[in-house]
PDB file of N, CA and C in Angstrom:
ATOM      1  N   MET A   1      -9.598  -1.719 -12.015  1.00  0.00           N
ATOM      2  CA  MET A   1      -8.308  -1.141 -11.724  1.00  0.00           C
ATOM      3  C   MET A   1      -7.504  -2.166 -10.910  1.00  0.00           C
ATOM      4  N   PRO A   2      -6.228  -2.350 -11.226  1.00  0.00           N
ATOM      5  CA  PRO A   2      -5.413  -3.316 -10.480  1.00  0.00           C
ATOM      6  C   PRO A   2      -5.329  -2.983  -8.985  1.00  0.00           C
ATOM      7  N   MET A   3      -5.287  -4.042  -8.201  1.00  0.00           N
ATOM      8  CA  MET A   3      -5.234  -3.908  -6.743  1.00  0.00           C
ATOM      9  C   MET A   3      -3.841  -4.293  -6.249  1.00  0.00           C
ATOM     10  N   TYR A   4      -3.395  -3.602  -5.201  1.00  0.00           N
ATOM     11  CA  TYR A   4      -2.078  -3.837  -4.613  1.00  0.00           C
ATOM     12  C   TYR A   4      -2.215  -3.919  -3.102  1.00  0.00           C
ATOM     13  N   ILE A   5      -1.480  -4.849  -2.511  1.00  0.00           N
ATOM     14  CA  ILE A   5      -1.468  -5.014  -1.055  1.00  0.00           C
ATOM     15  C   ILE A   5      -0.057  -4.706  -0.580  1.00  0.00           C
ATOM     16  N   SER A   6       0.061  -3.737   0.316  1.00  0.00           N
ATOM     17  CA  SER A   6       1.368  -3.370   0.875  1.00  0.00           C
ATOM     18  C   SER A   6       1.455  -3.843   2.316  1.00  0.00           C
ATOM     19  N   LEU A   7       2.497  -4.604   2.591  1.00  0.00           N
ATOM     20  CA  LEU A   7       2.801  -5.078   3.932  1.00  0.00           C
ATOM     21  C   LEU A   7       3.905  -4.173   4.461  1.00  0.00           C
ATOM     22  N   MET A   8       3.629  -3.450   5.544  1.00  0.00           N
ATOM     23  CA  MET A   8       4.562  -2.411   5.991  1.00  0.00           C
ATOM     24  C   MET A   8       5.007  -2.599   7.429  1.00  0.00           C
ATOM     25  N   ASN A   9       6.219  -2.139   7.680  1.00  0.00           N
ATOM     26  CA  ASN A   9       6.757  -2.072   9.033  1.00  0.00           C
ATOM     27  C   ASN A   9       7.257  -0.661   9.277  1.00  0.00           C
ATOM     28  N   TYR A  10       7.031  -0.184  10.498  1.00  0.00           N
ATOM     29  CA  TYR A  10       7.549   1.121  10.879  1.00  0.00           C
ATOM     30  C   TYR A  10       9.071   1.086  10.923  1.00  0.00           C
ATOM     31  N   THR A  11       9.689   2.149  10.494  1.00  0.00           N
ATOM     32  CA  THR A  11      11.124   2.338  10.674  1.00  0.00           C
ATOM     33  C   THR A  11      11.335   2.942  12.058  1.00  0.00           C
ATOM     34  N   ASP A  12      12.592   3.092  12.464  1.00  0.00           N
ATOM     35  CA  ASP A  12      12.875   3.761  13.734  1.00  0.00           C
ATOM     36  C   ASP A  12      12.284   5.169  13.739  1.00  0.00           C
ATOM     37  N   GLN A  13      12.444   5.874  12.632  1.00  0.00           N
ATOM     38  CA  GLN A  13      11.880   7.232  12.507  1.00  0.00           C
ATOM     39  C   GLN A  13      10.362   7.193  12.652  1.00  0.00           C
ATOM     40  N   GLY A  14       9.725   6.233  11.998  1.00  0.00           N
ATOM     41  CA  GLY A  14       8.272   6.119  12.068  1.00  0.00           C
ATOM     42  C   GLY A  14       7.780   5.837  13.477  1.00  0.00           C
ATOM     43  N   LEU A  15       8.539   5.039  14.211  1.00  0.00           N
ATOM     44  CA  LEU A  15       8.158   4.746  15.602  1.00  0.00           C
ATOM     45  C   LEU A  15       8.367   5.954  16.511  1.00  0.00           C
ATOM     46  N   ARG A  16       9.432   6.709  16.275  1.00  0.00           N
ATOM     47  CA  ARG A  16       9.683   7.905  17.103  1.00  0.00           C
ATOM     48  C   ARG A  16       8.568   8.933  16.940  1.00  0.00           C
ATOM     49  N   THR A  17       7.945   8.933  15.774  1.00  0.00           N
ATOM     50  CA  THR A  17       6.884   9.908  15.485  1.00  0.00           C
ATOM     51  C   THR A  17       5.539   9.199  15.286  1.00  0.00           C
ATOM     52  N   ILE A  18       5.319   8.138  16.051  1.00  0.00           N
ATOM     53  CA  ILE A  18       4.137   7.286  15.879  1.00  0.00           C
ATOM     54  C   ILE A  18       2.823   8.064  15.996  1.00  0.00           C
ATOM     55  N   LYS A  19       2.803   9.108  16.810  1.00  0.00           N
ATOM     56  CA  LYS A  19       1.571   9.896  17.003  1.00  0.00           C
ATOM     57  C   LYS A  19       1.123  10.580  15.714  1.00  0.00           C
ATOM     58  N   LYS A  20       2.033  10.709  14.745  1.00  0.00           N
ATOM     59  CA  LYS A  20       1.691  11.345  13.469  1.00  0.00           C
ATOM     60  C   LYS A  20       1.174  10.334  12.441  1.00  0.00           C
ATOM     61  N   SER A  21       1.054   9.077  12.841  1.00  0.00           N
ATOM     62  CA  SER A  21       0.673   8.024  11.896  1.00  0.00           C
ATOM     63  C   SER A  21      -0.661   8.270  11.215  1.00  0.00           C
ATOM     64  N   THR A  22      -1.649   8.738  11.955  1.00  0.00           N
ATOM     65  CA  THR A  22      -2.959   8.949  11.328  1.00  0.00           C
ATOM     66  C   THR A  22      -2.900  10.099  10.323  1.00  0.00           C
ATOM     67  N   ASN A  23      -2.119  11.129  10.632  1.00  0.00           N
ATOM     68  CA  ASN A  23      -1.938  12.222   9.666  1.00  0.00           C
ATOM     69  C   ASN A  23      -1.215  11.729   8.423  1.00  0.00           C
ATOM     70  N   ARG A  24      -0.225  10.845   8.621  1.00  0.00           N
ATOM     71  CA  ARG A  24       0.503  10.289   7.478  1.00  0.00           C
ATOM     72  C   ARG A  24      -0.417   9.424   6.629  1.00  0.00           C
ATOM     73  N   ALA A  25      -1.326   8.695   7.255  1.00  0.00           N
ATOM     74  CA  ALA A  25      -2.290   7.883   6.499  1.00  0.00           C
ATOM     75  C   ALA A  25      -3.168   8.782   5.633  1.00  0.00           C
ATOM     76  N   ASP A  26      -3.606   9.903   6.191  1.00  0.00           N
ATOM     77  CA  ASP A  26      -4.412  10.860   5.420  1.00  0.00           C
ATOM     78  C   ASP A  26      -3.617  11.414   4.243  1.00  0.00           C
ATOM     79  N   SER A  27      -2.357  11.733   4.486  1.00  0.00           N
ATOM     80  CA  SER A  27      -1.492  12.242   3.416  1.00  0.00           C
ATOM     81  C   SER A  27      -1.273  11.191   2.336  1.00  0.00           C
ATOM     82  N   ALA A  28      -1.120   9.934   2.747  1.00  0.00           N
ATOM     83  CA  ALA A  28      -0.933   8.845   1.783  1.00  0.00           C
ATOM     84  C   ALA A  28      -2.175   8.703   0.908  1.00  0.00           C
ATOM     85  N   ARG A  29      -3.359   8.827   1.506  1.00  0.00           N
ATOM     86  CA  ARG A  29      -4.596   8.760   0.720  1.00  0.00           C
ATOM     87  C   ARG A  29      -4.635   9.879  -0.329  1.00  0.00           C
ATOM     88  N   SER A  30      -4.250  11.073   0.082  1.00  0.00           N
ATOM     89  CA  SER A  30      -4.226  12.207  -0.854  1.00  0.00           C
ATOM     90  C   SER A  30      -3.219  11.971  -1.975  1.00  0.00           C
ATOM     91  N   MET A  31      -2.046  11.446  -1.617  1.00  0.00           N
ATOM     92  CA  MET A  31      -1.020  11.174  -2.615  1.00  0.00           C
ATOM     93  C   MET A  31      -1.506  10.127  -3.618  1.00  0.00           C
ATOM     94  N   ALA A  32      -2.161   9.085  -3.126  1.00  0.00           N
ATOM     95  CA  ALA A  32      -2.695   8.057  -4.017  1.00  0.00           C
ATOM     96  C   ALA A  32      -3.706   8.661  -4.988  1.00  0.00           C
ATOM     97  N   GLU A  33      -4.572   9.517  -4.481  1.00  0.00           N
ATOM     98  CA  GLU A  33      -5.583  10.149  -5.332  1.00  0.00           C
ATOM     99  C   GLU A  33      -4.947  11.050  -6.380  1.00  0.00           C
ATOM    100  N   GLU A  34      -3.891  11.770  -6.006  1.00  0.00           N
ATOM    101  CA  GLU A  34      -3.181  12.629  -6.970  1.00  0.00           C
ATOM    102  C   GLU A  34      -2.603  11.810  -8.115  1.00  0.00           C
ATOM    103  N   LEU A  35      -2.262  10.557  -7.844  1.00  0.00           N
ATOM    104  CA  LEU A  35      -1.702   9.675  -8.861  1.00  0.00           C
ATOM    105  C   LEU A  35      -2.779   8.906  -9.622  1.00  0.00           C
ATOM    106  N   GLY A  36      -4.039   9.140  -9.294  1.00  0.00           N
ATOM    107  CA  GLY A  36      -5.133   8.463  -9.977  1.00  0.00           C
ATOM    108  C   GLY A  36      -5.545   7.148  -9.337  1.00  0.00           C
ATOM    109  N   GLY A  37      -5.088   6.918  -8.110  1.00  0.00           N
ATOM    110  CA  GLY A  37      -5.429   5.694  -7.400  1.00  0.00           C
ATOM    111  C   GLY A  37      -6.247   5.983  -6.164  1.00  0.00           C
ATOM    112  N   SER A  38      -6.401   4.965  -5.340  1.00  0.00           N
ATOM    113  CA  SER A  38      -7.099   5.150  -4.067  1.00  0.00           C
ATOM    114  C   SER A  38      -6.636   4.076  -3.095  1.00  0.00           C
ATOM    115  N   ILE A  39      -6.627   4.437  -1.824  1.00  0.00           N
ATOM    116  CA  ILE A  39      -6.348   3.474  -0.782  1.00  0.00           C
ATOM    117  C   ILE A  39      -7.697   3.001  -0.258  1.00  0.00           C
ATOM    118  N   GLU A  40      -7.960   1.720  -0.448  1.00  0.00           N
ATOM    119  CA  GLU A  40      -9.233   1.140  -0.023  1.00  0.00           C
ATOM    120  C   GLU A  40      -9.317   1.046   1.494  1.00  0.00           C
ATOM    121  N   GLN A  41      -8.220   0.568   2.110  1.00  0.00           N
ATOM    122  CA  GLN A  41      -8.230   0.340   3.546  1.00  0.00           C
ATOM    123  C   GLN A  41      -6.802   0.291   4.077  1.00  0.00           C
ATOM    124  N   ILE A  42      -6.638   0.739   5.309  1.00  0.00           N
ATOM    125  CA  ILE A  42      -5.370   0.624   6.019  1.00  0.00           C
ATOM    126  C   ILE A  42      -5.669  -0.092   7.329  1.00  0.00           C
ATOM    127  N   TYR A  43      -4.895  -1.126   7.602  1.00  0.00           N
ATOM    128  CA  TYR A  43      -5.067  -1.904   8.827  1.00  0.00           C
ATOM    129  C   TYR A  43      -3.813  -1.798   9.689  1.00  0.00           C
ATOM    130  N   LEU A  44      -3.981  -1.557  10.970  1.00  0.00           N
ATOM    131  CA  LEU A  44      -2.909  -1.708  11.945  1.00  0.00           C
ATOM    132  C   LEU A  44      -2.944  -3.168  12.348  1.00  0.00           C
ATOM    133  N   THR A  45      -1.804  -3.850  12.279  1.00  0.00           N
ATOM    134  CA  THR A  45      -1.789  -5.285  12.525  1.00  0.00           C
ATOM    135  C   THR A  45      -0.771  -5.670  13.592  1.00  0.00           C
ATOM    136  N   MET A  46      -0.932  -6.874  14.097  1.00  0.00           N
ATOM    137  CA  MET A  46       0.031  -7.445  15.039  1.00  0.00           C
ATOM    138  C   MET A  46       0.657  -8.653  14.354  1.00  0.00           C
ATOM    139  N   GLY A  47       1.923  -8.870  14.572  1.00  0.00           N
ATOM    140  CA  GLY A  47       2.596 -10.001  13.949  1.00  0.00           C
ATOM    141  C   GLY A  47       3.812  -9.531  13.181  1.00  0.00           C
ATOM    142  N   ASN A  48       4.036 -10.105  12.018  1.00  0.00           N
ATOM    143  CA  ASN A  48       5.230  -9.785  11.235  1.00  0.00           C
ATOM    144  C   ASN A  48       5.193  -8.399  10.602  1.00  0.00           C
ATOM    145  N   TYR A  49       4.025  -7.826  10.459  1.00  0.00           N
ATOM    146  CA  TYR A  49       3.884  -6.509   9.837  1.00  0.00           C
ATOM    147  C   TYR A  49       3.101  -5.585  10.760  1.00  0.00           C
ATOM    148  N   ASP A  50       3.431  -4.302  10.690  1.00  0.00           N
ATOM    149  CA  ASP A  50       2.759  -3.302  11.518  1.00  0.00           C
ATOM    150  C   ASP A  50       1.493  -2.757  10.856  1.00  0.00           C
ATOM    151  N   LEU A  51       1.514  -2.661   9.544  1.00  0.00           N
ATOM    152  CA  LEU A  51       0.400  -2.087   8.786  1.00  0.00           C
ATOM    153  C   LEU A  51       0.192  -2.874   7.501  1.00  0.00           C
ATOM    154  N   ILE A  52      -1.041  -2.922   7.049  1.00  0.00           N
ATOM    155  CA  ILE A  52      -1.361  -3.459   5.733  1.00  0.00           C
ATOM    156  C   ILE A  52      -2.255  -2.439   5.043  1.00  0.00           C
ATOM    157  N   ALA A  53      -1.921  -2.107   3.810  1.00  0.00           N
ATOM    158  CA  ALA A  53      -2.749  -1.193   3.025  1.00  0.00           C
ATOM    159  C   ALA A  53      -3.204  -1.908   1.759  1.00  0.00           C
ATOM    160  N   ILE A  54      -4.448  -1.700   1.413  1.00  0.00           N
ATOM    161  CA  ILE A  54      -5.005  -2.233   0.177  1.00  0.00           C
ATOM    162  C   ILE A  54      -5.358  -1.036  -0.694  1.00  0.00           C
ATOM    163  N   ALA A  55      -4.776  -1.011  -1.890  1.00  0.00           N
ATOM    164  CA  ALA A  55      -4.935   0.160  -2.755  1.00  0.00           C
ATOM    165  C   ALA A  55      -5.190  -0.251  -4.195  1.00  0.00           C
ATOM    166  N   ASP A  56      -5.788   0.655  -4.942  1.00  0.00           N
ATOM    167  CA  ASP A  56      -6.007   0.491  -6.379  1.00  0.00           C
ATOM    168  C   ASP A  56      -5.209   1.573  -7.091  1.00  0.00           C
ATOM    169  N   PHE A  57      -4.518   1.177  -8.160  1.00  0.00           N
ATOM    170  CA  PHE A  57      -3.796   2.131  -9.006  1.00  0.00           C
ATOM    171  C   PHE A  57      -4.030   1.752 -10.458  1.00  0.00           C
ATOM    172  N   PRO A  58      -3.910   2.714 -11.367  1.00  0.00           N
ATOM    173  CA  PRO A  58      -4.181   2.432 -12.776  1.00  0.00           C
ATOM    174  C   PRO A  58      -3.257   1.370 -13.385  1.00  0.00           C
ATOM    175  N   ASP A  59      -2.011   1.297 -12.893  1.00  0.00           N
ATOM    176  CA  ASP A  59      -1.050   0.352 -13.467  1.00  0.00           C
ATOM    177  C   ASP A  59       0.119   0.151 -12.504  1.00  0.00           C
ATOM    178  N   ASP A  60       0.983  -0.795 -12.859  1.00  0.00           N
ATOM    179  CA  ASP A  60       2.119  -1.129 -12.002  1.00  0.00           C
ATOM    180  C   ASP A  60       3.072   0.049 -11.802  1.00  0.00           C
ATOM    181  N   ALA A  61       3.315   0.816 -12.863  1.00  0.00           N
ATOM    182  CA  ALA A  61       4.237   1.946 -12.750  1.00  0.00           C
ATOM    183  C   ALA A  61       3.727   2.989 -11.760  1.00  0.00           C
ATOM    184  N   THR A  62       2.436   3.244 -11.765  1.00  0.00           N
ATOM    185  CA  THR A  62       1.855   4.205 -10.829  1.00  0.00           C
ATOM    186  C   THR A  62       1.922   3.675  -9.407  1.00  0.00           C
ATOM    187  N   ALA A  63       1.649   2.393  -9.237  1.00  0.00           N
ATOM    188  CA  ALA A  63       1.751   1.783  -7.902  1.00  0.00           C
ATOM    189  C   ALA A  63       3.185   1.869  -7.391  1.00  0.00           C
ATOM    190  N   ALA A  64       4.155   1.592  -8.258  1.00  0.00           N
ATOM    191  CA  ALA A  64       5.560   1.668  -7.865  1.00  0.00           C
ATOM    192  C   ALA A  64       5.945   3.095  -7.494  1.00  0.00           C
ATOM    193  N   THR A  65       5.468   4.064  -8.243  1.00  0.00           N
ATOM    194  CA  THR A  65       5.740   5.470  -7.932  1.00  0.00           C
ATOM    195  C   THR A  65       5.229   5.807  -6.541  1.00  0.00           C
ATOM    196  N   PHE A  66       4.010   5.389  -6.253  1.00  0.00           N
ATOM    197  CA  PHE A  66       3.416   5.644  -4.945  1.00  0.00           C
ATOM    198  C   PHE A  66       4.242   5.009  -3.827  1.00  0.00           C
ATOM    199  N   VAL A  67       4.556   3.740  -3.974  1.00  0.00           N
ATOM    200  CA  VAL A  67       5.304   3.025  -2.928  1.00  0.00           C
ATOM    201  C   VAL A  67       6.680   3.657  -2.718  1.00  0.00           C
ATOM    202  N   LEU A  68       7.342   4.046  -3.781  1.00  0.00           N
ATOM    203  CA  LEU A  68       8.655   4.685  -3.645  1.00  0.00           C
ATOM    204  C   LEU A  68       8.547   6.048  -2.974  1.00  0.00           C
ATOM    205  N   ARG A  69       7.515   6.799  -3.292  1.00  0.00           N
ATOM    206  CA  ARG A  69       7.323   8.105  -2.624  1.00  0.00           C
ATOM    207  C   ARG A  69       7.077   7.927  -1.134  1.00  0.00           C
ATOM    208  N   ILE A  70       6.257   6.952  -0.787  1.00  0.00           N
ATOM    209  CA  ILE A  70       5.991   6.678   0.634  1.00  0.00           C
ATOM    210  C   ILE A  70       7.281   6.243   1.334  1.00  0.00           C
ATOM    211  N   GLY A  71       8.019   5.347   0.701  1.00  0.00           N
ATOM    212  CA  GLY A  71       9.267   4.869   1.282  1.00  0.00           C
ATOM    213  C   GLY A  71      10.292   5.972   1.467  1.00  0.00           C
ATOM    214  N   ALA A  72      10.338   6.901   0.532  1.00  0.00           N
ATOM    215  CA  ALA A  72      11.305   8.002   0.602  1.00  0.00           C
ATOM    216  C   ALA A  72      11.057   8.914   1.798  1.00  0.00           C
ATOM    217  N   LEU A  73       9.846   8.892   2.342  1.00  0.00           N
ATOM    218  CA  LEU A  73       9.557   9.709   3.520  1.00  0.00           C
ATOM    219  C   LEU A  73      10.221   9.149   4.771  1.00  0.00           C
ATOM    220  N   GLY A  74      10.572   7.853   4.747  1.00  0.00           N
ATOM    221  CA  GLY A  74      11.357   7.262   5.817  1.00  0.00           C
ATOM    222  C   GLY A  74      10.612   6.738   7.029  1.00  0.00           C
ATOM    223  N   ASN A  75       9.296   6.686   6.988  1.00  0.00           N
ATOM    224  CA  ASN A  75       8.532   6.238   8.155  1.00  0.00           C
ATOM    225  C   ASN A  75       8.152   4.769   8.131  1.00  0.00           C
ATOM    226  N   VAL A  76       8.079   4.190   6.939  1.00  0.00           N
ATOM    227  CA  VAL A  76       7.754   2.775   6.799  1.00  0.00           C
ATOM    228  C   VAL A  76       8.594   2.157   5.685  1.00  0.00           C
ATOM    229  N   LYS A  77       8.763   0.844   5.789  1.00  0.00           N
ATOM    230  CA  LYS A  77       9.325   0.044   4.707  1.00  0.00           C
ATOM    231  C   LYS A  77       8.207  -0.866   4.250  1.00  0.00           C
ATOM    232  N   ALA A  78       8.061  -1.014   2.934  1.00  0.00           N
ATOM    233  CA  ALA A  78       6.923  -1.773   2.413  1.00  0.00           C
ATOM    234  C   ALA A  78       7.360  -2.871   1.455  1.00  0.00           C
ATOM    235  N   THR A  79       6.611  -3.948   1.502  1.00  0.00           N
ATOM    236  CA  THR A  79       6.659  -4.991   0.489  1.00  0.00           C
ATOM    237  C   THR A  79       5.288  -4.957  -0.164  1.00  0.00           C
ATOM    238  N   THR A  80       5.259  -4.750  -1.474  1.00  0.00           N
ATOM    239  CA  THR A  80       3.971  -4.588  -2.151  1.00  0.00           C
ATOM    240  C   THR A  80       3.727  -5.744  -3.105  1.00  0.00           C
ATOM    241  N   LEU A  81       2.512  -6.258  -3.045  1.00  0.00           N
ATOM    242  CA  LEU A  81       2.088  -7.388  -3.853  1.00  0.00           C
ATOM    243  C   LEU A  81       0.979  -6.949  -4.801  1.00  0.00           C
ATOM    244  N   LYS A  82       1.061  -7.373  -6.049  1.00  0.00           N
ATOM    245  CA  LYS A  82      -0.063  -7.150  -6.956  1.00  0.00           C
ATOM    246  C   LYS A  82      -1.073  -8.256  -6.681  1.00  0.00           C
ATOM    247  N   ALA A  83      -2.315  -7.876  -6.494  1.00  0.00           N
ATOM    248  CA  ALA A  83      -3.359  -8.843  -6.165  1.00  0.00           C
ATOM    249  C   ALA A  83      -4.323  -8.988  -7.338  1.00  0.00           C
ATOM    250  N   PHE A  84      -4.689 -10.224  -7.628  1.00  0.00           N
ATOM    251  CA  PHE A  84      -5.659 -10.500  -8.673  1.00  0.00           C
ATOM    252  C   PHE A  84      -6.995 -10.820  -8.022  1.00  0.00           C
ATOM    253  N   GLN A  85      -8.034 -10.097  -8.407  1.00  0.00           N
ATOM    254  CA  GLN A  85      -9.351 -10.351  -7.848  1.00  0.00           C
ATOM    255  C   GLN A  85      -9.872 -11.695  -8.343  1.00  0.00           C
ATOM    256  N   GLU A  86     -10.951 -12.159  -7.725  1.00  0.00           N
ATOM    257  CA  GLU A  86     -11.408 -13.519  -7.972  1.00  0.00           C
ATOM    258  C   GLU A  86     -11.715 -13.801  -9.439  1.00  0.00           C
ATOM    259  N   ASP A  87     -12.311 -12.846 -10.158  1.00  0.00           N
ATOM    260  CA  ASP A  87     -12.624 -13.112 -11.566  1.00  0.00           C
ATOM    261  C   ASP A  87     -11.354 -13.339 -12.380  1.00  0.00           C
ATOM    262  N   ALA A  88     -10.324 -12.533 -12.130  1.00  0.00           N
ATOM    263  CA  ALA A  88      -9.043 -12.727 -12.819  1.00  0.00           C
ATOM    264  C   ALA A  88      -8.378 -14.023 -12.364  1.00  0.00           C
ATOM    265  N   PHE A  89      -8.467 -14.313 -11.074  1.00  0.00           N
ATOM    266  CA  PHE A  89      -7.924 -15.560 -10.524  1.00  0.00           C
ATOM    267  C   PHE A  89      -8.510 -16.767 -11.264  1.00  0.00           C
ATOM    268  N   ARG A  90      -9.807 -16.760 -11.463  1.00  0.00           N
ATOM    269  CA  ARG A  90     -10.467 -17.890 -12.149  1.00  0.00           C
ATOM    270  C   ARG A  90     -10.006 -18.013 -13.599  1.00  0.00           C
ATOM    271  N   ILE A  91      -9.863 -16.888 -14.285  1.00  0.00           N
ATOM    272  CA  ILE A  91      -9.394 -16.898 -15.683  1.00  0.00           C
ATOM    273  C   ILE A  91      -7.966 -17.433 -15.747  1.00  0.00           C
ATOM    274  N   ILE A  92      -7.134 -16.985 -14.839  1.00  0.00           N
ATOM    275  CA  ILE A  92      -5.724 -17.435 -14.807  1.00  0.00           C
ATOM    276  C   ILE A  92      -5.653 -18.926 -14.560  1.00  0.00           C
ATOM    277  N   ILE A  93      -6.371 -19.405 -13.554  1.00  0.00           N
ATOM    278  CA  ILE A  93      -6.331 -20.836 -13.214  1.00  0.00           C
ATOM    279  C   ILE A  93      -6.913 -21.675 -14.346  1.00  0.00           C
ATOM    280  N   ASP A  94      -7.974 -21.209 -14.984  1.00  0.00           N
ATOM    281  CA  ASP A  94      -8.559 -21.955 -16.104  1.00  0.00           C
ATOM    282  C   ASP A  94      -7.579 -22.059 -17.278  1.00  0.00           C
ATOM    283  N   ALA A  95      -6.677 -21.083 -17.405  1.00  0.00           N
ATOM    284  CA  ALA A  95      -5.713 -21.099 -18.520  1.00  0.00           C
ATOM    285  C   ALA A  95      -4.524 -22.025 -18.251  1.00  0.00           C
ATOM    286  N   VAL A  96      -4.389 -22.510 -17.035  1.00  0.00           N
ATOM    287  CA  VAL A  96      -3.240 -23.378 -16.699  1.00  0.00           C
ATOM    288  C   VAL A  96      -3.429 -24.748 -17.311  1.00  0.00           C
TER     289      VAL A  96
END
């Protein structure tokens, strides 16, 4: 299943309600599962991003649906990257 990495920052709304972050993470996991995906891990980070999530979804359209639904809640802004695992990475590089 394709993997996606989301780099997220809290919005002003998300910071005002920061104590609800763990509940929102649980809700995000449920939402991902409803779409046929899963969130592998969520990291609280320091630096340019506040959170990083690693997730699997069946396809790009499903991943985009998930990210847009999360964004519409207004607590985080995300930049999402499609990640290629090492076996795919090797095939891609060998084809260059």
